[in-house]
Amino acid sequence: IYIKQNRIKLILDGKKIPYEEIDLSKNQEVREEMRALAGIPDLLPPQIFNGNTYCGDFQAFDDANEDGRLLEFLHLK
């Protein structure tokens, strides 16, 4: 998980895209809210959201970055 989280942060920092990192290991309520918003009951981190909009998981994030679609993936474009 940490390798994936670090890659996400590295990419976002490099592109100067602001983000908020939320530690789900310490808050069961927030973890359940994440799963409800995504509509996937067994969802595991890291997951990417823009506000309350679910963008996708690490693989989808990484694929979007590699394909030049990151802003679209993050609902910023």
PDB file of N, CA and C in Angstrom:
ATOM      1  N   ILE A   1       0.830  -1.199   0.000  1.00  0.00           N
ATOM      2  CA  ILE A   1       0.000   0.000   0.000  1.00  0.00           C
ATOM      3  C   ILE A   1       0.870   1.257   0.000  1.00  0.00           C
ATOM      4  N   TYR A   2       1.929   1.255   0.804  1.00  0.00           N
ATOM      5  CA  TYR A   2       2.756   2.463   0.934  1.00  0.00           C
ATOM      6  C   TYR A   2       3.464   2.823  -0.366  1.00  0.00           C
ATOM      7  N   ILE A   3       3.884   1.834  -1.124  1.00  0.00           N
ATOM      8  CA  ILE A   3       4.541   2.109  -2.405  1.00  0.00           C
ATOM      9  C   ILE A   3       3.557   2.793  -3.350  1.00  0.00           C
ATOM     10  N   LYS A   4       2.330   2.287  -3.387  1.00  0.00           N
ATOM     11  CA  LYS A   4       1.303   2.883  -4.242  1.00  0.00           C
ATOM     12  C   LYS A   4       0.963   4.296  -3.780  1.00  0.00           C
ATOM     13  N   GLN A   5       0.811   4.475  -2.467  1.00  0.00           N
ATOM     14  CA  GLN A   5       0.511   5.805  -1.931  1.00  0.00           C
ATOM     15  C   GLN A   5       1.620   6.788  -2.283  1.00  0.00           C
ATOM     16  N   ASN A   6       2.847   6.361  -2.120  1.00  0.00           N
ATOM     17  CA  ASN A   6       3.978   7.243  -2.423  1.00  0.00           C
ATOM     18  C   ASN A   6       4.031   7.606  -3.901  1.00  0.00           C
ATOM     19  N   ARG A   7       3.719   6.655  -4.778  1.00  0.00           N
ATOM     20  CA  ARG A   7       3.713   6.954  -6.216  1.00  0.00           C
ATOM     21  C   ARG A   7       2.629   7.983  -6.536  1.00  0.00           C
ATOM     22  N   ILE A   8       1.447   7.809  -5.953  1.00  0.00           N
ATOM     23  CA  ILE A   8       0.361   8.767  -6.173  1.00  0.00           C
ATOM     24  C   ILE A   8       0.796  10.161  -5.730  1.00  0.00           C
ATOM     25  N   LYS A   9       1.353  10.255  -4.525  1.00  0.00           N
ATOM     26  CA  LYS A   9       1.779  11.554  -4.000  1.00  0.00           C
ATOM     27  C   LYS A   9       2.884  12.164  -4.858  1.00  0.00           C
ATOM     28  N   LEU A  10       3.821  11.353  -5.303  1.00  0.00           N
ATOM     29  CA  LEU A  10       4.914  11.836  -6.147  1.00  0.00           C
ATOM     30  C   LEU A  10       4.380  12.434  -7.446  1.00  0.00           C
ATOM     31  N   ILE A  11       3.434  11.740  -8.064  1.00  0.00           N
ATOM     32  CA  ILE A  11       2.850  12.222  -9.321  1.00  0.00           C
ATOM     33  C   ILE A  11       2.065  13.512  -9.091  1.00  0.00           C
ATOM     34  N   LEU A  12       1.213  13.523  -8.069  1.00  0.00           N
ATOM     35  CA  LEU A  12       0.409  14.717  -7.797  1.00  0.00           C
ATOM     36  C   LEU A  12       1.287  15.907  -7.427  1.00  0.00           C
ATOM     37  N   ASP A  13       2.295  15.668  -6.600  1.00  0.00           N
ATOM     38  CA  ASP A  13       3.222  16.747  -6.238  1.00  0.00           C
ATOM     39  C   ASP A  13       3.957  17.266  -7.470  1.00  0.00           C
ATOM     40  N   GLY A  14       4.410  16.353  -8.316  1.00  0.00           N
ATOM     41  CA  GLY A  14       5.141  16.740  -9.522  1.00  0.00           C
ATOM     42  C   GLY A  14       4.308  17.572 -10.474  1.00  0.00           C
ATOM     43  N   LYS A  15       3.008  17.313 -10.501  1.00  0.00           N
ATOM     44  CA  LYS A  15       2.105  18.061 -11.374  1.00  0.00           C
ATOM     45  C   LYS A  15       1.445  19.229 -10.643  1.00  0.00           C
ATOM     46  N   LYS A  16       1.857  19.423  -9.385  1.00  0.00           N
ATOM     47  CA  LYS A  16       1.334  20.520  -8.556  1.00  0.00           C
ATOM     48  C   LYS A  16      -0.186  20.468  -8.426  1.00  0.00           C
ATOM     49  N   ILE A  17      -0.705  19.254  -8.251  1.00  0.00           N
ATOM     50  CA  ILE A  17      -2.134  19.054  -8.031  1.00  0.00           C
ATOM     51  C   ILE A  17      -2.343  18.887  -6.525  1.00  0.00           C
ATOM     52  N   PRO A  18      -3.083  19.804  -5.895  1.00  0.00           N
ATOM     53  CA  PRO A  18      -3.287  19.694  -4.447  1.00  0.00           C
ATOM     54  C   PRO A  18      -4.150  18.484  -4.099  1.00  0.00           C
ATOM     55  N   TYR A  19      -3.899  17.918  -2.931  1.00  0.00           N
ATOM     56  CA  TYR A  19      -4.654  16.744  -2.487  1.00  0.00           C
ATOM     57  C   TYR A  19      -4.673  16.694  -0.972  1.00  0.00           C
ATOM     58  N   GLU A  20      -5.593  15.890  -0.460  1.00  0.00           N
ATOM     59  CA  GLU A  20      -5.671  15.625   0.970  1.00  0.00           C
ATOM     60  C   GLU A  20      -5.516  14.121   1.156  1.00  0.00           C
ATOM     61  N   GLU A  21      -4.576  13.744   1.984  1.00  0.00           N
ATOM     62  CA  GLU A  21      -4.357  12.327   2.284  1.00  0.00           C
ATOM     63  C   GLU A  21      -5.111  11.997   3.572  1.00  0.00           C
ATOM     64  N   ILE A  22      -5.926  10.940   3.528  1.00  0.00           N
ATOM     65  CA  ILE A  22      -6.715  10.540   4.690  1.00  0.00           C
ATOM     66  C   ILE A  22      -6.284   9.146   5.112  1.00  0.00           C
ATOM     67  N   ASP A  23      -5.897   9.001   6.378  1.00  0.00           N
ATOM     68  CA  ASP A  23      -5.455   7.716   6.927  1.00  0.00           C
ATOM     69  C   ASP A  23      -6.676   6.924   7.381  1.00  0.00           C
ATOM     70  N   LEU A  24      -7.048   5.924   6.602  1.00  0.00           N
ATOM     71  CA  LEU A  24      -8.235   5.128   6.898  1.00  0.00           C
ATOM     72  C   LEU A  24      -7.998   4.090   7.981  1.00  0.00           C
ATOM     73  N   SER A  25      -6.751   3.821   8.297  1.00  0.00           N
ATOM     74  CA  SER A  25      -6.457   2.802   9.310  1.00  0.00           C
ATOM     75  C   SER A  25      -6.881   3.251  10.700  1.00  0.00           C
ATOM     76  N   LYS A  26      -7.049   4.544  10.890  1.00  0.00           N
ATOM     77  CA  LYS A  26      -7.381   5.071  12.210  1.00  0.00           C
ATOM     78  C   LYS A  26      -8.834   5.495  12.341  1.00  0.00           C
ATOM     79  N   ASN A  27      -9.621   5.340  11.278  1.00  0.00           N
ATOM     80  CA  ASN A  27     -10.985   5.835  11.330  1.00  0.00           C
ATOM     81  C   ASN A  27     -11.916   4.929  10.532  1.00  0.00           C
ATOM     82  N   GLN A  28     -12.575   4.027  11.223  1.00  0.00           N
ATOM     83  CA  GLN A  28     -13.493   3.071  10.594  1.00  0.00           C
ATOM     84  C   GLN A  28     -14.652   3.796   9.904  1.00  0.00           C
ATOM     85  N   GLU A  29     -15.138   4.867  10.507  1.00  0.00           N
ATOM     86  CA  GLU A  29     -16.268   5.608   9.940  1.00  0.00           C
ATOM     87  C   GLU A  29     -15.919   6.193   8.571  1.00  0.00           C
ATOM     88  N   VAL A  30     -14.744   6.766   8.456  1.00  0.00           N
ATOM     89  CA  VAL A  30     -14.311   7.343   7.178  1.00  0.00           C
ATOM     90  C   VAL A  30     -14.098   6.238   6.148  1.00  0.00           C
ATOM     91  N   ARG A  31     -13.571   5.102   6.584  1.00  0.00           N
ATOM     92  CA  ARG A  31     -13.370   3.965   5.676  1.00  0.00           C
ATOM     93  C   ARG A  31     -14.711   3.495   5.114  1.00  0.00           C
ATOM     94  N   GLU A  32     -15.725   3.400   5.962  1.00  0.00           N
ATOM     95  CA  GLU A  32     -17.051   2.975   5.510  1.00  0.00           C
ATOM     96  C   GLU A  32     -17.678   4.022   4.584  1.00  0.00           C
ATOM     97  N   GLU A  33     -17.437   5.298   4.871  1.00  0.00           N
ATOM     98  CA  GLU A  33     -17.939   6.361   4.002  1.00  0.00           C
ATOM     99  C   GLU A  33     -17.298   6.263   2.618  1.00  0.00           C
ATOM    100  N   MET A  34     -15.994   5.984   2.562  1.00  0.00           N
ATOM    101  CA  MET A  34     -15.290   5.815   1.292  1.00  0.00           C
ATOM    102  C   MET A  34     -15.918   4.671   0.498  1.00  0.00           C
ATOM    103  N   ARG A  35     -16.165   3.574   1.161  1.00  0.00           N
ATOM    104  CA  ARG A  35     -16.753   2.412   0.483  1.00  0.00           C
ATOM    105  C   ARG A  35     -18.155   2.720  -0.023  1.00  0.00           C
ATOM    106  N   ALA A  36     -18.931   3.446   0.777  1.00  0.00           N
ATOM    107  CA  ALA A  36     -20.289   3.804   0.365  1.00  0.00           C
ATOM    108  C   ALA A  36     -20.264   4.743  -0.843  1.00  0.00           C
ATOM    109  N   LEU A  37     -19.403   5.748  -0.818  1.00  0.00           N
ATOM    110  CA  LEU A  37     -19.308   6.690  -1.937  1.00  0.00           C
ATOM    111  C   LEU A  37     -18.890   5.990  -3.222  1.00  0.00           C
ATOM    112  N   ALA A  38     -17.993   5.023  -3.104  1.00  0.00           N
ATOM    113  CA  ALA A  38     -17.519   4.290  -4.283  1.00  0.00           C
ATOM    114  C   ALA A  38     -18.516   3.227  -4.724  1.00  0.00           C
ATOM    115  N   GLY A  39     -19.395   2.814  -3.801  1.00  0.00           N
ATOM    116  CA  GLY A  39     -20.354   1.760  -4.125  1.00  0.00           C
ATOM    117  C   GLY A  39     -19.723   0.384  -4.168  1.00  0.00           C
ATOM    118  N   ILE A  40     -18.589   0.215  -3.472  1.00  0.00           N
ATOM    119  CA  ILE A  40     -17.868  -1.058  -3.449  1.00  0.00           C
ATOM    120  C   ILE A  40     -17.613  -1.415  -1.985  1.00  0.00           C
ATOM    121  N   PRO A  41     -18.362  -2.384  -1.431  1.00  0.00           N
ATOM    122  CA  PRO A  41     -18.296  -2.658   0.006  1.00  0.00           C
ATOM    123  C   PRO A  41     -16.951  -3.162   0.529  1.00  0.00           C
ATOM    124  N   ASP A  42     -16.148  -3.790  -0.286  1.00  0.00           N
ATOM    125  CA  ASP A  42     -14.878  -4.349   0.201  1.00  0.00           C
ATOM    126  C   ASP A  42     -13.663  -3.595  -0.345  1.00  0.00           C
ATOM    127  N   LEU A  43     -13.854  -2.346  -0.679  1.00  0.00           N
ATOM    128  CA  LEU A  43     -12.812  -1.502  -1.255  1.00  0.00           C
ATOM    129  C   LEU A  43     -11.637  -1.330  -0.298  1.00  0.00           C
ATOM    130  N   LEU A  44     -10.424  -1.445  -0.829  1.00  0.00           N
ATOM    131  CA  LEU A  44      -9.213  -1.266  -0.032  1.00  0.00           C
ATOM    132  C   LEU A  44      -8.417  -0.073  -0.549  1.00  0.00           C
ATOM    133  N   PRO A  45      -7.710   0.620   0.339  1.00  0.00           N
ATOM    134  CA  PRO A  45      -6.887   1.754  -0.091  1.00  0.00           C
ATOM    135  C   PRO A  45      -5.660   1.290  -0.866  1.00  0.00           C
ATOM    136  N   PRO A  46      -5.057   2.177  -1.639  1.00  0.00           N
ATOM    137  CA  PRO A  46      -5.432   3.575  -1.837  1.00  0.00           C
ATOM    138  C   PRO A  46      -6.518   3.722  -2.899  1.00  0.00           C
ATOM    139  N   GLN A  47      -7.412   4.657  -2.674  1.00  0.00           N
ATOM    140  CA  GLN A  47      -8.476   5.005  -3.605  1.00  0.00           C
ATOM    141  C   GLN A  47      -8.420   6.509  -3.821  1.00  0.00           C
ATOM    142  N   ILE A  48      -8.854   6.938  -4.985  1.00  0.00           N
ATOM    143  CA  ILE A  48      -8.765   8.353  -5.320  1.00  0.00           C
ATOM    144  C   ILE A  48     -10.174   8.926  -5.459  1.00  0.00           C
ATOM    145  N   PHE A  49     -10.391  10.046  -4.769  1.00  0.00           N
ATOM    146  CA  PHE A  49     -11.650  10.778  -4.825  1.00  0.00           C
ATOM    147  C   PHE A  49     -11.350  12.232  -5.146  1.00  0.00           C
ATOM    148  N   ASN A  50     -12.310  12.889  -5.758  1.00  0.00           N
ATOM    149  CA  ASN A  50     -12.288  14.342  -5.897  1.00  0.00           C
ATOM    150  C   ASN A  50     -13.525  14.819  -5.153  1.00  0.00           C
ATOM    151  N   GLY A  51     -13.339  15.267  -3.919  1.00  0.00           N
ATOM    152  CA  GLY A  51     -14.481  15.567  -3.062  1.00  0.00           C
ATOM    153  C   GLY A  51     -15.221  14.275  -2.783  1.00  0.00           C
ATOM    154  N   ASN A  52     -16.509  14.250  -3.077  1.00  0.00           N
ATOM    155  CA  ASN A  52     -17.309  13.038  -2.886  1.00  0.00           C
ATOM    156  C   ASN A  52     -17.429  12.216  -4.163  1.00  0.00           C
ATOM    157  N   THR A  53     -16.694  12.580  -5.193  1.00  0.00           N
ATOM    158  CA  THR A  53     -16.735  11.856  -6.464  1.00  0.00           C
ATOM    159  C   THR A  53     -15.621  10.820  -6.497  1.00  0.00           C
ATOM    160  N   TYR A  54     -16.005   9.558  -6.667  1.00  0.00           N
ATOM    161  CA  TYR A  54     -15.029   8.474  -6.745  1.00  0.00           C
ATOM    162  C   TYR A  54     -14.386   8.478  -8.122  1.00  0.00           C
ATOM    163  N   CYS A  55     -13.057   8.548  -8.152  1.00  0.00           N
ATOM    164  CA  CYS A  55     -12.317   8.551  -9.418  1.00  0.00           C
ATOM    165  C   CYS A  55     -11.858   7.148  -9.797  1.00  0.00           C
ATOM    166  N   GLY A  56     -11.340   6.391  -8.828  1.00  0.00           N
ATOM    167  CA  GLY A  56     -10.872   5.044  -9.117  1.00  0.00           C
ATOM    168  C   GLY A  56      -9.776   4.608  -8.170  1.00  0.00           C
ATOM    169  N   ASP A  57      -9.209   3.447  -8.468  1.00  0.00           N
ATOM    170  CA  ASP A  57      -8.163   2.877  -7.617  1.00  0.00           C
ATOM    171  C   ASP A  57      -6.777   3.245  -8.148  1.00  0.00           C
ATOM    172  N   PHE A  58      -5.760   2.697  -7.508  1.00  0.00           N
ATOM    173  CA  PHE A  58      -4.385   3.012  -7.893  1.00  0.00           C
ATOM    174  C   PHE A  58      -4.107   2.652  -9.347  1.00  0.00           C
ATOM    175  N   GLN A  59      -4.539   1.477  -9.775  1.00  0.00           N
ATOM    176  CA  GLN A  59      -4.239   1.043 -11.141  1.00  0.00           C
ATOM    177  C   GLN A  59      -4.863   1.980 -12.169  1.00  0.00           C
ATOM    178  N   ALA A  60      -6.101   2.388 -11.922  1.00  0.00           N
ATOM    179  CA  ALA A  60      -6.768   3.320 -12.837  1.00  0.00           C
ATOM    180  C   ALA A  60      -6.053   4.671 -12.841  1.00  0.00           C
ATOM    181  N   PHE A  61      -5.608   5.117 -11.664  1.00  0.00           N
ATOM    182  CA  PHE A  61      -4.843   6.365 -11.550  1.00  0.00           C
ATOM    183  C   PHE A  61      -3.554   6.267 -12.354  1.00  0.00           C
ATOM    184  N   ASP A  62      -2.817   5.190 -12.149  1.00  0.00           N
ATOM    185  CA  ASP A  62      -1.535   5.003 -12.821  1.00  0.00           C
ATOM    186  C   ASP A  62      -1.718   4.902 -14.335  1.00  0.00           C
ATOM    187  N   ASP A  63      -2.741   4.162 -14.761  1.00  0.00           N
ATOM    188  CA  ASP A  63      -3.022   4.042 -16.194  1.00  0.00           C
ATOM    189  C   ASP A  63      -3.354   5.405 -16.799  1.00  0.00           C
ATOM    190  N   ALA A  64      -4.192   6.181 -16.101  1.00  0.00           N
ATOM    191  CA  ALA A  64      -4.568   7.508 -16.598  1.00  0.00           C
ATOM    192  C   ALA A  64      -3.344   8.409 -16.699  1.00  0.00           C
ATOM    193  N   ASN A  65      -2.462   8.319 -15.734  1.00  0.00           N
ATOM    194  CA  ASN A  65      -1.239   9.118 -15.778  1.00  0.00           C
ATOM    195  C   ASN A  65      -0.372   8.721 -16.969  1.00  0.00           C
ATOM    196  N   GLU A  66      -0.196   7.440 -17.168  1.00  0.00           N
ATOM    197  CA  GLU A  66       0.643   6.957 -18.274  1.00  0.00           C
ATOM    198  C   GLU A  66       0.049   7.316 -19.636  1.00  0.00           C
ATOM    199  N   ASP A  67      -1.297   7.372 -19.705  1.00  0.00           N
ATOM    200  CA  ASP A  67      -1.977   7.667 -20.969  1.00  0.00           C
ATOM    201  C   ASP A  67      -2.218   9.157 -21.190  1.00  0.00           C
ATOM    202  N   GLY A  68      -1.757   9.999 -20.259  1.00  0.00           N
ATOM    203  CA  GLY A  68      -1.961  11.436 -20.393  1.00  0.00           C
ATOM    204  C   GLY A  68      -3.385  11.885 -20.110  1.00  0.00           C
ATOM    205  N   ARG A  69      -4.131  11.093 -19.342  1.00  0.00           N
ATOM    206  CA  ARG A  69      -5.528  11.408 -19.035  1.00  0.00           C
ATOM    207  C   ARG A  69      -5.749  11.703 -17.556  1.00  0.00           C
ATOM    208  N   LEU A  70      -4.700  12.075 -16.843  1.00  0.00           N
ATOM    209  CA  LEU A  70      -4.809  12.211 -15.393  1.00  0.00           C
ATOM    210  C   LEU A  70      -5.820  13.276 -14.974  1.00  0.00           C
ATOM    211  N   LEU A  71      -5.797  14.437 -15.601  1.00  0.00           N
ATOM    212  CA  LEU A  71      -6.741  15.493 -15.228  1.00  0.00           C
ATOM    213  C   LEU A  71      -8.183  15.058 -15.460  1.00  0.00           C
ATOM    214  N   GLU A  72      -8.415  14.359 -16.548  1.00  0.00           N
ATOM    215  CA  GLU A  72      -9.753  13.826 -16.826  1.00  0.00           C
ATOM    216  C   GLU A  72     -10.138  12.799 -15.764  1.00  0.00           C
ATOM    217  N   PHE A  73      -9.218  11.893 -15.434  1.00  0.00           N
ATOM    218  CA  PHE A  73      -9.462  10.871 -14.411  1.00  0.00           C
ATOM    219  C   PHE A  73      -9.834  11.511 -13.080  1.00  0.00           C
ATOM    220  N   LEU A  74      -9.143  12.593 -12.733  1.00  0.00           N
ATOM    221  CA  LEU A  74      -9.369  13.271 -11.455  1.00  0.00           C
ATOM    222  C   LEU A  74     -10.566  14.226 -11.495  1.00  0.00           C
ATOM    223  N   HIS A  75     -11.263  14.283 -12.620  1.00  0.00           N
ATOM    224  CA  HIS A  75     -12.411  15.184 -12.808  1.00  0.00           C
ATOM    225  C   HIS A  75     -11.992  16.644 -12.627  1.00  0.00           C
ATOM    226  N   LEU A  76     -10.828  16.971 -13.160  1.00  0.00           N
ATOM    227  CA  LEU A  76     -10.317  18.338 -13.108  1.00  0.00           C
ATOM    228  C   LEU A  76     -10.365  19.007 -14.476  1.00  0.00           C
ATOM    229  N   LYS A  77     -10.822  18.283 -15.474  1.00  0.00           N
ATOM    230  CA  LYS A  77     -10.846  18.801 -16.846  1.00  0.00           C
ATOM    231  C   LYS A  77     -12.200  18.555 -17.465  1.00  0.00           C
TER     232      LYS A  77
END
